[in-house]
PDB file of N, CA and C in Angstrom:
ATOM      1  N   MET A   1       0.553  55.834  65.982  1.00  0.00           N
ATOM      2  CA  MET A   1       0.418  55.115  64.719  1.00  0.00           C
ATOM      3  C   MET A   1       0.337  56.120  63.573  1.00  0.00           C
ATOM      4  N   ASN A   2       1.038  55.841  62.508  1.00  0.00           N
ATOM      5  CA  ASN A   2       0.991  56.699  61.327  1.00  0.00           C
ATOM      6  C   ASN A   2      -0.281  56.368  60.545  1.00  0.00           C
ATOM      7  N   GLU A   3      -1.063  57.382  60.231  1.00  0.00           N
ATOM      8  CA  GLU A   3      -2.330  57.162  59.531  1.00  0.00           C
ATOM      9  C   GLU A   3      -2.196  57.218  58.019  1.00  0.00           C
ATOM     10  N   ILE A   4      -0.986  57.464  57.530  1.00  0.00           N
ATOM     11  CA  ILE A   4      -0.782  57.577  56.088  1.00  0.00           C
ATOM     12  C   ILE A   4      -0.088  56.320  55.587  1.00  0.00           C
ATOM     13  N   GLY A   5      -0.749  55.637  54.663  1.00  0.00           N
ATOM     14  CA  GLY A   5      -0.200  54.419  54.075  1.00  0.00           C
ATOM     15  C   GLY A   5       0.509  54.708  52.765  1.00  0.00           C
ATOM     16  N   ARG A   6       0.589  53.708  51.948  1.00  0.00           N
ATOM     17  CA  ARG A   6       1.323  53.804  50.684  1.00  0.00           C
ATOM     18  C   ARG A   6       0.619  54.724  49.693  1.00  0.00           C
ATOM     19  N   GLU A   7       1.383  55.202  48.729  1.00  0.00           N
ATOM     20  CA  GLU A   7       0.818  56.042  47.678  1.00  0.00           C
ATOM     21  C   GLU A   7      -0.033  55.179  46.753  1.00  0.00           C
ATOM     22  N   LEU A   8      -1.178  55.698  46.371  1.00  0.00           N
ATOM     23  CA  LEU A   8      -2.096  54.985  45.487  1.00  0.00           C
ATOM     24  C   LEU A   8      -2.029  55.555  44.083  1.00  0.00           C
ATOM     25  N   LYS A   9      -2.152  54.678  43.116  1.00  0.00           N
ATOM     26  CA  LYS A   9      -2.285  55.101  41.722  1.00  0.00           C
ATOM     27  C   LYS A   9      -3.751  55.440  41.482  1.00  0.00           C
ATOM     28  N   ALA A  10      -4.010  56.267  40.500  1.00  0.00           N
ATOM     29  CA  ALA A  10      -5.397  56.650  40.194  1.00  0.00           C
ATOM     30  C   ALA A  10      -6.240  55.413  39.889  1.00  0.00           C
ATOM     31  N   SER A  11      -5.657  54.427  39.251  1.00  0.00           N
ATOM     32  CA  SER A  11      -6.391  53.210  38.893  1.00  0.00           C
ATOM     33  C   SER A  11      -6.772  52.378  40.125  1.00  0.00           C
ATOM     34  N   GLU A  12      -6.169  52.645  41.277  1.00  0.00           N
ATOM     35  CA  GLU A  12      -6.463  51.910  42.502  1.00  0.00           C
ATOM     36  C   GLU A  12      -7.548  52.567  43.344  1.00  0.00           C
ATOM     37  N   LEU A  13      -7.955  53.770  42.996  1.00  0.00           N
ATOM     38  CA  LEU A  13      -8.950  54.490  43.782  1.00  0.00           C
ATOM     39  C   LEU A  13     -10.318  53.852  43.637  1.00  0.00           C
ATOM     40  N   LYS A  14     -11.054  53.829  44.752  1.00  0.00           N
ATOM     41  CA  LYS A  14     -12.402  53.264  44.771  1.00  0.00           C
ATOM     42  C   LYS A  14     -13.349  54.274  45.390  1.00  0.00           C
ATOM     43  N   LEU A  15     -14.554  54.341  44.861  1.00  0.00           N
ATOM     44  CA  LEU A  15     -15.568  55.253  45.387  1.00  0.00           C
ATOM     45  C   LEU A  15     -15.804  55.016  46.872  1.00  0.00           C
ATOM     46  N   LYS A  16     -16.129  56.089  47.562  1.00  0.00           N
ATOM     47  CA  LYS A  16     -16.523  56.061  48.973  1.00  0.00           C
ATOM     48  C   LYS A  16     -15.434  55.560  49.911  1.00  0.00           C
ATOM     49  N   THR A  17     -14.169  55.683  49.513  1.00  0.00           N
ATOM     50  CA  THR A  17     -13.084  55.353  50.420  1.00  0.00           C
ATOM     51  C   THR A  17     -12.418  56.648  50.878  1.00  0.00           C
ATOM     52  N   ILE A  18     -11.840  56.606  52.061  1.00  0.00           N
ATOM     53  CA  ILE A  18     -11.140  57.768  52.599  1.00  0.00           C
ATOM     54  C   ILE A  18      -9.665  57.643  52.244  1.00  0.00           C
ATOM     55  N   VAL A  19      -9.104  58.750  51.781  1.00  0.00           N
ATOM     56  CA  VAL A  19      -7.698  58.798  51.399  1.00  0.00           C
ATOM     57  C   VAL A  19      -7.069  60.066  51.969  1.00  0.00           C
ATOM     58  N   VAL A  20      -5.743  60.135  51.919  1.00  0.00           N
ATOM     59  CA  VAL A  20      -5.006  61.327  52.318  1.00  0.00           C
ATOM     60  C   VAL A  20      -4.508  61.984  51.041  1.00  0.00           C
ATOM     61  N   ILE A  21      -4.786  63.272  50.886  1.00  0.00           N
ATOM     62  CA  ILE A  21      -4.503  63.996  49.651  1.00  0.00           C
ATOM     63  C   ILE A  21      -3.560  65.155  49.942  1.00  0.00           C
ATOM     64  N   ARG A  22      -2.564  65.325  49.084  1.00  0.00           N
ATOM     65  CA  ARG A  22      -1.689  66.492  49.214  1.00  0.00           C
ATOM     66  C   ARG A  22      -1.139  66.867  47.848  1.00  0.00           C
ATOM     67  N   ARG A  23      -0.712  68.105  47.736  1.00  0.00           N
ATOM     68  CA  ARG A  23      -0.110  68.595  46.501  1.00  0.00           C
ATOM     69  C   ARG A  23       1.397  68.421  46.580  1.00  0.00           C
ATOM     70  N   GLU A  24       2.022  68.092  45.464  1.00  0.00           N
ATOM     71  CA  GLU A  24       3.454  67.785  45.437  1.00  0.00           C
ATOM     72  C   GLU A  24       4.336  68.876  46.027  1.00  0.00           C
ATOM     73  N   ASP A  25       3.944  70.117  45.865  1.00  0.00           N
ATOM     74  CA  ASP A  25       4.783  71.221  46.337  1.00  0.00           C
ATOM     75  C   ASP A  25       4.456  71.657  47.768  1.00  0.00           C
ATOM     76  N   ARG A  26       3.572  70.926  48.437  1.00  0.00           N
ATOM     77  CA  ARG A  26       3.199  71.237  49.816  1.00  0.00           C
ATOM     78  C   ARG A  26       3.235  69.965  50.669  1.00  0.00           C
ATOM     79  N   PRO A  27       4.427  69.420  50.889  1.00  0.00           N
ATOM     80  CA  PRO A  27       4.531  68.129  51.577  1.00  0.00           C
ATOM     81  C   PRO A  27       3.995  68.117  53.009  1.00  0.00           C
ATOM     82  N   GLY A  28       3.993  69.241  53.678  1.00  0.00           N
ATOM     83  CA  GLY A  28       3.519  69.294  55.053  1.00  0.00           C
ATOM     84  C   GLY A  28       2.030  69.518  55.204  1.00  0.00           C
ATOM     85  N   MET A  29       1.342  69.749  54.105  1.00  0.00           N
ATOM     86  CA  MET A  29      -0.094  70.024  54.145  1.00  0.00           C
ATOM     87  C   MET A  29      -0.850  68.887  53.476  1.00  0.00           C
ATOM     88  N   ALA A  30      -1.604  68.141  54.265  1.00  0.00           N
ATOM     89  CA  ALA A  30      -2.400  67.038  53.725  1.00  0.00           C
ATOM     90  C   ALA A  30      -3.781  67.081  54.361  1.00  0.00           C
ATOM     91  N   VAL A  31      -4.774  66.624  53.616  1.00  0.00           N
ATOM     92  CA  VAL A  31      -6.134  66.528  54.140  1.00  0.00           C
ATOM     93  C   VAL A  31      -6.674  65.136  53.854  1.00  0.00           C
ATOM     94  N   THR A  32      -7.602  64.711  54.677  1.00  0.00           N
ATOM     95  CA  THR A  32      -8.298  63.468  54.381  1.00  0.00           C
ATOM     96  C   THR A  32      -9.551  63.814  53.601  1.00  0.00           C
ATOM     97  N   GLY A  33      -9.932  62.928  52.728  1.00  0.00           N
ATOM     98  CA  GLY A  33     -11.127  63.156  51.925  1.00  0.00           C
ATOM     99  C   GLY A  33     -11.678  61.858  51.387  1.00  0.00           C
ATOM    100  N   TRP A  34     -12.899  61.923  50.961  1.00  0.00           N
ATOM    101  CA  TRP A  34     -13.575  60.785  50.344  1.00  0.00           C
ATOM    102  C   TRP A  34     -13.348  60.831  48.837  1.00  0.00           C
ATOM    103  N   VAL A  35     -13.208  59.662  48.229  1.00  0.00           N
ATOM    104  CA  VAL A  35     -13.237  59.581  46.765  1.00  0.00           C
ATOM    105  C   VAL A  35     -14.713  59.690  46.403  1.00  0.00           C
ATOM    106  N   ARG A  36     -15.075  60.816  45.823  1.00  0.00           N
ATOM    107  CA  ARG A  36     -16.486  61.130  45.585  1.00  0.00           C
ATOM    108  C   ARG A  36     -16.965  60.687  44.201  1.00  0.00           C
ATOM    109  N   GLU A  37     -16.109  60.890  43.178  1.00  0.00           N
ATOM    110  CA  GLU A  37     -16.509  60.539  41.810  1.00  0.00           C
ATOM    111  C   GLU A  37     -15.271  60.174  41.002  1.00  0.00           C
ATOM    112  N   LEU A  38     -15.401  59.106  40.217  1.00  0.00           N
ATOM    113  CA  LEU A  38     -14.324  58.654  39.334  1.00  0.00           C
ATOM    114  C   LEU A  38     -14.806  58.751  37.897  1.00  0.00           C
ATOM    115  N   GLY A  39     -14.157  59.597  37.121  1.00  0.00           N
ATOM    116  CA  GLY A  39     -14.495  59.731  35.717  1.00  0.00           C
ATOM    117  C   GLY A  39     -13.382  59.174  34.848  1.00  0.00           C
ATOM    118  N   GLN A  40     -13.560  59.221  33.550  1.00  0.00           N
ATOM    119  CA  GLN A  40     -12.530  58.727  32.637  1.00  0.00           C
ATOM    120  C   GLN A  40     -11.257  59.534  32.717  1.00  0.00           C
ATOM    121  N   ASP A  41     -11.395  60.845  32.909  1.00  0.00           N
ATOM    122  CA  ASP A  41     -10.214  61.702  32.937  1.00  0.00           C
ATOM    123  C   ASP A  41     -10.192  62.657  34.133  1.00  0.00           C
ATOM    124  N   PHE A  42     -10.926  62.309  35.195  1.00  0.00           N
ATOM    125  CA  PHE A  42     -10.944  63.140  36.399  1.00  0.00           C
ATOM    126  C   PHE A  42     -11.296  62.306  37.629  1.00  0.00           C
ATOM    127  N   VAL A  43     -10.956  62.847  38.782  1.00  0.00           N
ATOM    128  CA  VAL A  43     -11.369  62.279  40.078  1.00  0.00           C
ATOM    129  C   VAL A  43     -11.778  63.456  40.952  1.00  0.00           C
ATOM    130  N   ILE A  44     -12.907  63.324  41.637  1.00  0.00           N
ATOM    131  CA  ILE A  44     -13.362  64.345  42.565  1.00  0.00           C
ATOM    132  C   ILE A  44     -13.262  63.780  43.979  1.00  0.00           C
ATOM    133  N   PHE A  45     -12.621  64.558  44.864  1.00  0.00           N
ATOM    134  CA  PHE A  45     -12.509  64.205  46.268  1.00  0.00           C
ATOM    135  C   PHE A  45     -13.370  65.187  47.054  1.00  0.00           C
ATOM    136  N   TYR A  46     -13.872  64.751  48.213  1.00  0.00           N
ATOM    137  CA  TYR A  46     -14.631  65.647  49.086  1.00  0.00           C
ATOM    138  C   TYR A  46     -14.081  65.558  50.500  1.00  0.00           C
ATOM    139  N   SER A  47     -13.762  66.692  51.072  1.00  0.00           N
ATOM    140  CA  SER A  47     -13.305  66.754  52.457  1.00  0.00           C
ATOM    141  C   SER A  47     -14.380  67.417  53.292  1.00  0.00           C
ATOM    142  N   GLY A  48     -15.018  66.641  54.143  1.00  0.00           N
ATOM    143  CA  GLY A  48     -16.058  67.179  55.014  1.00  0.00           C
ATOM    144  C   GLY A  48     -15.505  68.107  56.073  1.00  0.00           C
ATOM    145  N   ALA A  49     -14.269  67.873  56.492  1.00  0.00           N
ATOM    146  CA  ALA A  49     -13.660  68.700  57.534  1.00  0.00           C
ATOM    147  C   ALA A  49     -13.548  70.158  57.095  1.00  0.00           C
ATOM    148  N   ILE A  50     -13.227  70.367  55.828  1.00  0.00           N
ATOM    149  CA  ILE A  50     -13.104  71.741  55.325  1.00  0.00           C
ATOM    150  C   ILE A  50     -14.198  72.077  54.309  1.00  0.00           C
ATOM    151  N   LYS A  51     -15.158  71.157  54.173  1.00  0.00           N
ATOM    152  CA  LYS A  51     -16.321  71.343  53.295  1.00  0.00           C
ATOM    153  C   LYS A  51     -15.911  71.797  51.892  1.00  0.00           C
ATOM    154  N   THR A  52     -15.005  71.022  51.289  1.00  0.00           N
ATOM    155  CA  THR A  52     -14.451  71.387  49.993  1.00  0.00           C
ATOM    156  C   THR A  52     -14.387  70.185  49.062  1.00  0.00           C
ATOM    157  N   LYS A  53     -14.704  70.437  47.794  1.00  0.00           N
ATOM    158  CA  LYS A  53     -14.498  69.440  46.750  1.00  0.00           C
ATOM    159  C   LYS A  53     -13.201  69.775  46.033  1.00  0.00           C
ATOM    160  N   LEU A  54     -12.457  68.746  45.681  1.00  0.00           N
ATOM    161  CA  LEU A  54     -11.222  68.934  44.923  1.00  0.00           C
ATOM    162  C   LEU A  54     -11.356  68.151  43.622  1.00  0.00           C
ATOM    163  N   LEU A  55     -11.330  68.862  42.511  1.00  0.00           N
ATOM    164  CA  LEU A  55     -11.387  68.252  41.196  1.00  0.00           C
ATOM    165  C   LEU A  55      -9.960  68.059  40.705  1.00  0.00           C
ATOM    166  N   THR A  56      -9.616  66.829  40.390  1.00  0.00           N
ATOM    167  CA  THR A  56      -8.294  66.540  39.844  1.00  0.00           C
ATOM    168  C   THR A  56      -8.461  65.942  38.464  1.00  0.00           C
ATOM    169  N   TYR A  57      -7.453  66.139  37.651  1.00  0.00           N
ATOM    170  CA  TYR A  57      -7.486  65.666  36.274  1.00  0.00           C
ATOM    171  C   TYR A  57      -6.500  64.520  36.111  1.00  0.00           C
ATOM    172  N   LEU A  58      -6.880  63.525  35.358  1.00  0.00           N
ATOM    173  CA  LEU A  58      -6.032  62.365  35.108  1.00  0.00           C
ATOM    174  C   LEU A  58      -5.275  62.581  33.806  1.00  0.00           C
ATOM    175  N   ARG A  59      -3.949  62.654  33.918  1.00  0.00           N
ATOM    176  CA  ARG A  59      -3.121  62.818  32.727  1.00  0.00           C
ATOM    177  C   ARG A  59      -2.958  61.470  32.032  1.00  0.00           C
ATOM    178  N   GLU A  60      -2.463  61.507  30.811  1.00  0.00           N
ATOM    179  CA  GLU A  60      -2.261  60.279  30.035  1.00  0.00           C
ATOM    180  C   GLU A  60      -1.288  59.324  30.705  1.00  0.00           C
ATOM    181  N   ASP A  61      -0.353  59.856  31.496  1.00  0.00           N
ATOM    182  CA  ASP A  61       0.624  58.997  32.181  1.00  0.00           C
ATOM    183  C   ASP A  61       0.076  58.398  33.483  1.00  0.00           C
ATOM    184  N   GLY A  62      -1.197  58.673  33.800  1.00  0.00           N
ATOM    185  CA  GLY A  62      -1.825  58.104  34.982  1.00  0.00           C
ATOM    186  C   GLY A  62      -1.700  58.942  36.244  1.00  0.00           C
ATOM    187  N   GLU A  63      -1.017  60.086  36.165  1.00  0.00           N
ATOM    188  CA  GLU A  63      -0.858  60.970  37.318  1.00  0.00           C
ATOM    189  C   GLU A  63      -2.079  61.875  37.462  1.00  0.00           C
ATOM    190  N   LEU A  64      -2.402  62.222  38.714  1.00  0.00           N
ATOM    191  CA  LEU A  64      -3.458  63.189  38.981  1.00  0.00           C
ATOM    192  C   LEU A  64      -2.828  64.562  39.165  1.00  0.00           C
ATOM    193  N   VAL A  65      -3.450  65.591  38.601  1.00  0.00           N
ATOM    194  CA  VAL A  65      -2.986  66.966  38.753  1.00  0.00           C
ATOM    195  C   VAL A  65      -4.184  67.864  39.063  1.00  0.00           C
ATOM    196  N   ASP A  66      -3.889  69.020  39.679  1.00  0.00           N
ATOM    197  CA  ASP A  66      -4.961  69.985  39.926  1.00  0.00           C
ATOM    198  C   ASP A  66      -5.052  70.949  38.745  1.00  0.00           C
ATOM    199  N   ASP A  67      -5.851  71.997  38.888  1.00  0.00           N
ATOM    200  CA  ASP A  67      -6.055  72.927  37.773  1.00  0.00           C
ATOM    201  C   ASP A  67      -4.829  73.789  37.476  1.00  0.00           C
ATOM    202  N   THR A  68      -3.815  73.751  38.341  1.00  0.00           N
ATOM    203  CA  THR A  68      -2.577  74.479  38.072  1.00  0.00           C
ATOM    204  C   THR A  68      -1.513  73.581  37.446  1.00  0.00           C
ATOM    205  N   GLY A  69      -1.827  72.295  37.317  1.00  0.00           N
ATOM    206  CA  GLY A  69      -0.865  71.352  36.758  1.00  0.00           C
ATOM    207  C   GLY A  69       0.039  70.706  37.786  1.00  0.00           C
ATOM    208  N   LYS A  70      -0.145  71.036  39.070  1.00  0.00           N
ATOM    209  CA  LYS A  70       0.657  70.424  40.136  1.00  0.00           C
ATOM    210  C   LYS A  70       0.154  69.010  40.419  1.00  0.00           C
ATOM    211  N   ARG A  71       1.092  68.102  40.624  1.00  0.00           N
ATOM    212  CA  ARG A  71       0.766  66.704  40.891  1.00  0.00           C
ATOM    213  C   ARG A  71       0.067  66.576  42.243  1.00  0.00           C
ATOM    214  N   ILE A  72      -0.985  65.792  42.275  1.00  0.00           N
ATOM    215  CA  ILE A  72      -1.719  65.497  43.497  1.00  0.00           C
ATOM    216  C   ILE A  72      -1.355  64.076  43.925  1.00  0.00           C
ATOM    217  N   ILE A  73      -0.870  63.965  45.152  1.00  0.00           N
ATOM    218  CA  ILE A  73      -0.447  62.678  45.690  1.00  0.00           C
ATOM    219  C   ILE A  73      -1.543  62.154  46.597  1.00  0.00           C
ATOM    220  N   VAL A  74      -1.940  60.904  46.379  1.00  0.00           N
ATOM    221  CA  VAL A  74      -3.005  60.286  47.143  1.00  0.00           C
ATOM    222  C   VAL A  74      -2.425  59.053  47.851  1.00  0.00           C
ATOM    223  N   ASN A  75      -2.639  59.009  49.167  1.00  0.00           N
ATOM    224  CA  ASN A  75      -2.167  57.882  49.959  1.00  0.00           C
ATOM    225  C   ASN A  75      -3.327  57.191  50.637  1.00  0.00           C
ATOM    226  N   GLU A  76      -3.113  55.933  51.022  1.00  0.00           N
ATOM    227  CA  GLU A  76      -4.091  55.206  51.819  1.00  0.00           C
ATOM    228  C   GLU A  76      -4.274  55.922  53.150  1.00  0.00           C
ATOM    229  N   TYR A  77      -5.488  55.865  53.667  1.00  0.00           N
ATOM    230  CA  TYR A  77      -5.765  56.357  55.013  1.00  0.00           C
ATOM    231  C   TYR A  77      -5.882  55.139  55.922  1.00  0.00           C
ATOM    232  N   LEU A  78      -5.012  55.056  56.910  1.00  0.00           N
ATOM    233  CA  LEU A  78      -4.964  53.895  57.797  1.00  0.00           C
ATOM    234  C   LEU A  78      -5.637  54.135  59.146  1.00  0.00           C
ATOM    235  N   GLY A  79      -6.147  55.330  59.348  1.00  0.00           N
ATOM    236  CA  GLY A  79      -6.800  55.643  60.622  1.00  0.00           C
ATOM    237  C   GLY A  79      -8.193  55.040  60.702  1.00  0.00           C
ATOM    238  N   GLU A  80      -8.821  55.257  61.815  1.00  0.00           N
ATOM    239  CA  GLU A  80     -10.172  54.742  62.000  1.00  0.00           C
ATOM    240  C   GLU A  80     -11.186  55.720  61.418  1.00  0.00           C
ATOM    241  N   VAL A  81     -12.248  55.169  60.891  1.00  0.00           N
ATOM    242  CA  VAL A  81     -13.301  55.987  60.282  1.00  0.00           C
ATOM    243  C   VAL A  81     -14.281  56.406  61.340  1.00  0.00           C
TER     244      VAL A  81
END
């Protein structure tokens, strides 16, 4: 079974949900993480597997980017928790 669902818009993210996160230029590298904090112009994800927080910024067009300006793609996680 594929554990990666559809791509989510930033406006669809909900606190305490698990998602699959990857950077646009690294299609083969994805991690699962929790939506930890939703701000007006940022989203923080937390991955317990690698013990890392990822701060993303919300652009005016609704896209999430990291501190280098690369687009962050967020998908539904369909696996079991």
